[in-house]
Amino acid sequence: MHNDLFACGVMPDCEQISIHISPEPEWALVCSAKLIVSQQPGVLSALENPGPVISQTERIIIVQGDGKALVQSRHRECGTDSCWEPSSAHQICDLVLGNNVAAGCAAMDDMTCRWSPWGPGGLENCMDVDDWSCDDVAAVLQPK
């Protein structure tokens, strides 16, 4: 069993990004890109919902402000909050921006200023790390 980062009580800085056919909602993609480009710490949330039956994988993404994120996922195959399977190992991943994302954010162009964990760009080079505690997460999220 791994420390459950979902139970740490941290709130996402942007609306949850979800994917069924393509990532949405648009404003969550823009908000996520702006957070990553800002080089400030924060929290993102993502939900894969491929359908047609309930089969969901949720990720909590702790943005560290240095181009990396602490990521944990959990999975469920029912429609209630009580049936999440135990959370995965903790991973450190690179937060990769797609082409022209940073420039799009600087120009306030919401058509290019967008990010999702499924790309283009996304979460790459993920490696398992020792579990973090909720205190570790809170320390990373402190304003610099």
C-alpha atoms as a PDB file:
ATOM      1  CA  MET A   1       0.000   0.000   0.000  1.00  0.00           C
ATOM      2  CA  HIS A   2       1.234   3.449  -0.916  1.00  0.00           C
ATOM      3  CA  ASN A   3       0.511   6.734   0.858  1.00  0.00           C
ATOM      4  CA  ASP A   4      -2.745   8.028  -0.637  1.00  0.00           C
ATOM      5  CA  LEU A   5      -2.110  11.526  -1.986  1.00  0.00           C
ATOM      6  CA  PHE A   6      -5.805  11.837  -2.864  1.00  0.00           C
ATOM      7  CA  ALA A   7      -6.485  11.893   0.906  1.00  0.00           C
ATOM      8  CA  CYS A   8      -4.135  14.840   1.542  1.00  0.00           C
ATOM      9  CA  GLY A   9      -6.940  17.377   1.091  1.00  0.00           C
ATOM     10  CA  VAL A  10      -5.157  19.446  -1.560  1.00  0.00           C
ATOM     11  CA  MET A  11      -7.457  21.191  -3.995  1.00  0.00           C
ATOM     12  CA  PRO A  12      -6.702  21.385  -7.721  1.00  0.00           C
ATOM     13  CA  ASP A  13      -5.803  24.818  -9.053  1.00  0.00           C
ATOM     14  CA  CYS A  14      -7.775  24.110 -12.245  1.00  0.00           C
ATOM     15  CA  GLU A  15     -10.928  22.195 -13.060  1.00  0.00           C
ATOM     16  CA  GLN A  16     -10.286  18.478 -13.564  1.00  0.00           C
ATOM     17  CA  ILE A  17      -9.186  17.566 -17.086  1.00  0.00           C
ATOM     18  CA  SER A  18     -11.054  14.555 -18.414  1.00  0.00           C
ATOM     19  CA  ILE A  19     -10.613  12.486 -21.527  1.00  0.00           C
ATOM     20  CA  HIS A  20     -13.089  10.270 -23.291  1.00  0.00           C
ATOM     21  CA  ILE A  21     -12.363  11.075 -26.931  1.00  0.00           C
ATOM     22  CA  SER A  22     -10.215  14.184 -26.491  1.00  0.00           C
ATOM     23  CA  PRO A  23      -9.122  16.181 -23.413  1.00  0.00           C
ATOM     24  CA  GLU A  24     -11.671  18.675 -22.043  1.00  0.00           C
ATOM     25  CA  PRO A  25     -12.911  21.140 -20.845  1.00  0.00           C
ATOM     26  CA  GLU A  26     -10.982  23.722 -22.827  1.00  0.00           C
ATOM     27  CA  TRP A  27     -10.561  26.155 -19.908  1.00  0.00           C
ATOM     28  CA  ALA A  28      -8.963  23.390 -17.778  1.00  0.00           C
ATOM     29  CA  LEU A  29      -6.380  22.766 -20.529  1.00  0.00           C
ATOM     30  CA  VAL A  30      -5.578  26.494 -20.665  1.00  0.00           C
ATOM     31  CA  CYS A  31      -5.453  26.823 -16.868  1.00  0.00           C
ATOM     32  CA  SER A  32      -3.110  23.818 -16.622  1.00  0.00           C
ATOM     33  CA  ALA A  33      -0.740  25.220 -19.258  1.00  0.00           C
ATOM     34  CA  LYS A  34      -0.652  28.598 -17.523  1.00  0.00           C
ATOM     35  CA  LEU A  35       0.184  26.938 -14.187  1.00  0.00           C
ATOM     36  CA  ILE A  36       3.052  24.934 -15.689  1.00  0.00           C
ATOM     37  CA  VAL A  37       4.440  27.906 -17.631  1.00  0.00           C
ATOM     38  CA  SER A  38       4.291  30.070 -14.469  1.00  0.00           C
ATOM     39  CA  GLN A  39       6.892  27.803 -12.808  1.00  0.00           C
ATOM     40  CA  GLN A  40       4.837  27.966  -9.616  1.00  0.00           C
ATOM     41  CA  PRO A  41       3.776  24.906  -7.629  1.00  0.00           C
ATOM     42  CA  GLY A  42       0.181  23.746  -7.768  1.00  0.00           C
ATOM     43  CA  VAL A  43      -2.166  20.797  -8.128  1.00  0.00           C
ATOM     44  CA  LEU A  44      -3.804  19.367 -11.246  1.00  0.00           C
ATOM     45  CA  SER A  45      -6.278  16.514 -11.602  1.00  0.00           C
ATOM     46  CA  ALA A  46      -6.984  14.307 -14.596  1.00  0.00           C
ATOM     47  CA  LEU A  47      -9.560  11.588 -15.276  1.00  0.00           C
ATOM     48  CA  GLU A  48      -9.464   8.967 -18.038  1.00  0.00           C
ATOM     49  CA  ASN A  49     -12.995   7.792 -18.792  1.00  0.00           C
ATOM     50  CA  PRO A  50     -12.783   5.611 -21.921  1.00  0.00           C
ATOM     51  CA  GLY A  51     -16.278   4.069 -21.647  1.00  0.00           C
ATOM     52  CA  PRO A  52     -18.672   2.628 -22.594  1.00  0.00           C
ATOM     53  CA  VAL A  53     -18.729   0.929 -19.157  1.00  0.00           C
ATOM     54  CA  ILE A  54     -17.440   2.630 -16.034  1.00  0.00           C
ATOM     55  CA  SER A  55     -13.674   2.209 -16.033  1.00  0.00           C
ATOM     56  CA  GLN A  56     -11.913   5.313 -14.756  1.00  0.00           C
ATOM     57  CA  THR A  57      -8.322   6.173 -13.913  1.00  0.00           C
ATOM     58  CA  GLU A  58      -7.751   9.377 -11.977  1.00  0.00           C
ATOM     59  CA  ARG A  59      -4.411  11.135 -11.515  1.00  0.00           C
ATOM     60  CA  ILE A  60      -3.361  13.724  -8.981  1.00  0.00           C
ATOM     61  CA  ILE A  61      -0.503  15.804 -10.340  1.00  0.00           C
ATOM     62  CA  ILE A  62       1.515  17.829  -7.826  1.00  0.00           C
ATOM     63  CA  VAL A  63       3.277  20.466  -9.947  1.00  0.00           C
ATOM     64  CA  GLN A  64       6.576  21.325  -8.268  1.00  0.00           C
ATOM     65  CA  GLY A  65       7.315  24.496 -10.263  1.00  0.00           C
ATOM     66  CA  ASP A  66      10.588  23.138 -11.682  1.00  0.00           C
ATOM     67  CA  GLY A  67       9.285  21.268 -14.718  1.00  0.00           C
ATOM     68  CA  LYS A  68       8.564  18.124 -12.711  1.00  0.00           C
ATOM     69  CA  ALA A  69       5.496  16.726 -10.974  1.00  0.00           C
ATOM     70  CA  LEU A  70       4.708  14.117  -8.369  1.00  0.00           C
ATOM     71  CA  VAL A  71       1.978  11.881  -9.804  1.00  0.00           C
ATOM     72  CA  GLN A  72      -0.236   9.187  -8.325  1.00  0.00           C
ATOM     73  CA  SER A  73      -3.130   7.363  -9.959  1.00  0.00           C
ATOM     74  CA  ARG A  74      -6.060   5.264  -8.841  1.00  0.00           C
ATOM     75  CA  HIS A  75      -8.583   3.163 -10.758  1.00  0.00           C
ATOM     76  CA  ARG A  76     -12.215   2.135 -10.365  1.00  0.00           C
ATOM     77  CA  GLU A  77     -14.724   0.131 -12.335  1.00  0.00           C
ATOM     78  CA  CYS A  78     -17.916   1.223 -10.595  1.00  0.00           C
ATOM     79  CA  GLY A  79     -19.735   4.504 -10.184  1.00  0.00           C
ATOM     80  CA  THR A  80     -19.248   5.145  -6.458  1.00  0.00           C
ATOM     81  CA  ASP A  81     -16.407   6.790  -4.571  1.00  0.00           C
ATOM     82  CA  SER A  82     -16.152   3.747  -2.302  1.00  0.00           C
ATOM     83  CA  CYS A  83     -14.751   1.447  -4.988  1.00  0.00           C
ATOM     84  CA  TRP A  84     -11.439   3.105  -5.858  1.00  0.00           C
ATOM     85  CA  GLU A  85      -8.688   0.506  -5.918  1.00  0.00           C
ATOM     86  CA  PRO A  86      -5.581   1.235  -3.820  1.00  0.00           C
ATOM     87  CA  SER A  87      -3.539   4.113  -5.190  1.00  0.00           C
ATOM     88  CA  SER A  88      -0.454   3.480  -7.311  1.00  0.00           C
ATOM     89  CA  ALA A  89       3.191   4.031  -6.504  1.00  0.00           C
ATOM     90  CA  HIS A  90       4.327   7.649  -6.440  1.00  0.00           C
ATOM     91  CA  GLN A  91       6.144   8.807  -9.564  1.00  0.00           C
ATOM     92  CA  ILE A  92       8.145  11.865 -10.539  1.00  0.00           C
ATOM     93  CA  CYS A  93       7.419  12.850 -14.136  1.00  0.00           C
ATOM     94  CA  ASP A  94       8.642  15.560 -16.486  1.00  0.00           C
ATOM     95  CA  LEU A  95       5.955  18.094 -17.396  1.00  0.00           C
ATOM     96  CA  VAL A  96       6.463  18.472 -21.139  1.00  0.00           C
ATOM     97  CA  LEU A  97       4.839  21.305 -23.052  1.00  0.00           C
ATOM     98  CA  GLY A  98       3.815  20.833 -26.672  1.00  0.00           C
ATOM     99  CA  ASN A  99       5.158  23.071 -29.445  1.00  0.00           C
ATOM    100  CA  ASN A 100       4.471  26.786 -28.961  1.00  0.00           C
ATOM    101  CA  VAL A 101       2.593  26.316 -25.658  1.00  0.00           C
ATOM    102  CA  ALA A 102       4.820  28.680 -23.661  1.00  0.00           C
ATOM    103  CA  ALA A 103       4.725  31.282 -26.436  1.00  0.00           C
ATOM    104  CA  GLY A 104       0.950  30.886 -26.701  1.00  0.00           C
ATOM    105  CA  CYS A 105       0.548  31.457 -22.965  1.00  0.00           C
ATOM    106  CA  ALA A 106       2.803  34.536 -23.097  1.00  0.00           C
ATOM    107  CA  ALA A 107       0.691  35.903 -25.968  1.00  0.00           C
ATOM    108  CA  MET A 108      -2.564  34.983 -24.153  1.00  0.00           C
ATOM    109  CA  ASP A 109      -3.511  32.768 -27.108  1.00  0.00           C
ATOM    110  CA  ASP A 110      -5.836  30.142 -25.649  1.00  0.00           C
ATOM    111  CA  MET A 111      -5.672  28.128 -28.896  1.00  0.00           C
ATOM    112  CA  THR A 112      -2.002  27.216 -28.261  1.00  0.00           C
ATOM    113  CA  CYS A 113      -1.769  27.758 -24.492  1.00  0.00           C
ATOM    114  CA  ARG A 114      -3.070  24.343 -23.429  1.00  0.00           C
ATOM    115  CA  TRP A 115      -1.725  21.238 -21.686  1.00  0.00           C
ATOM    116  CA  SER A 116      -3.035  17.812 -20.818  1.00  0.00           C
ATOM    117  CA  PRO A 117      -1.258  14.776 -19.376  1.00  0.00           C
ATOM    118  CA  TRP A 118      -2.072  12.876 -22.590  1.00  0.00           C
ATOM    119  CA  GLY A 119      -0.242  15.259 -24.899  1.00  0.00           C
ATOM    120  CA  PRO A 120       0.978  16.681 -27.058  1.00  0.00           C
ATOM    121  CA  GLY A 121       3.704  16.894 -24.477  1.00  0.00           C
ATOM    122  CA  GLY A 122       2.160  15.734 -21.213  1.00  0.00           C
ATOM    123  CA  LEU A 123       3.697  13.558 -18.514  1.00  0.00           C
ATOM    124  CA  GLU A 124       6.913  11.915 -19.675  1.00  0.00           C
ATOM    125  CA  ASN A 125       9.893  10.020 -18.247  1.00  0.00           C
ATOM    126  CA  CYS A 126       7.947   8.935 -15.150  1.00  0.00           C
ATOM    127  CA  MET A 127       9.953   7.057 -12.542  1.00  0.00           C
ATOM    128  CA  ASP A 128       8.787   5.444  -9.298  1.00  0.00           C
ATOM    129  CA  VAL A 129      10.035   7.217  -6.154  1.00  0.00           C
ATOM    130  CA  ASP A 130       9.702   6.651  -2.429  1.00  0.00           C
ATOM    131  CA  ASP A 131       6.289   7.612  -1.100  1.00  0.00           C
ATOM    132  CA  TRP A 132       5.732  11.219  -0.145  1.00  0.00           C
ATOM    133  CA  SER A 133       3.712  12.186   2.920  1.00  0.00           C
ATOM    134  CA  CYS A 134       0.956  14.798   2.956  1.00  0.00           C
ATOM    135  CA  ASP A 135       3.428  17.049   4.817  1.00  0.00           C
ATOM    136  CA  ASP A 136       5.920  16.631   1.937  1.00  0.00           C
ATOM    137  CA  VAL A 137       3.205  17.677  -0.529  1.00  0.00           C
ATOM    138  CA  ALA A 138       2.206  20.679   1.619  1.00  0.00           C
ATOM    139  CA  ALA A 139       5.847  21.804   1.784  1.00  0.00           C
ATOM    140  CA  VAL A 140       6.192  21.748  -2.021  1.00  0.00           C
ATOM    141  CA  LEU A 141       2.967  23.741  -2.412  1.00  0.00           C
ATOM    142  CA  GLN A 142       4.089  26.563  -0.108  1.00  0.00           C
ATOM    143  CA  PRO A 143       4.401  29.859  -2.013  1.00  0.00           C
ATOM    144  CA  LYS A 144       7.991  30.697  -2.895  1.00  0.00           C
END
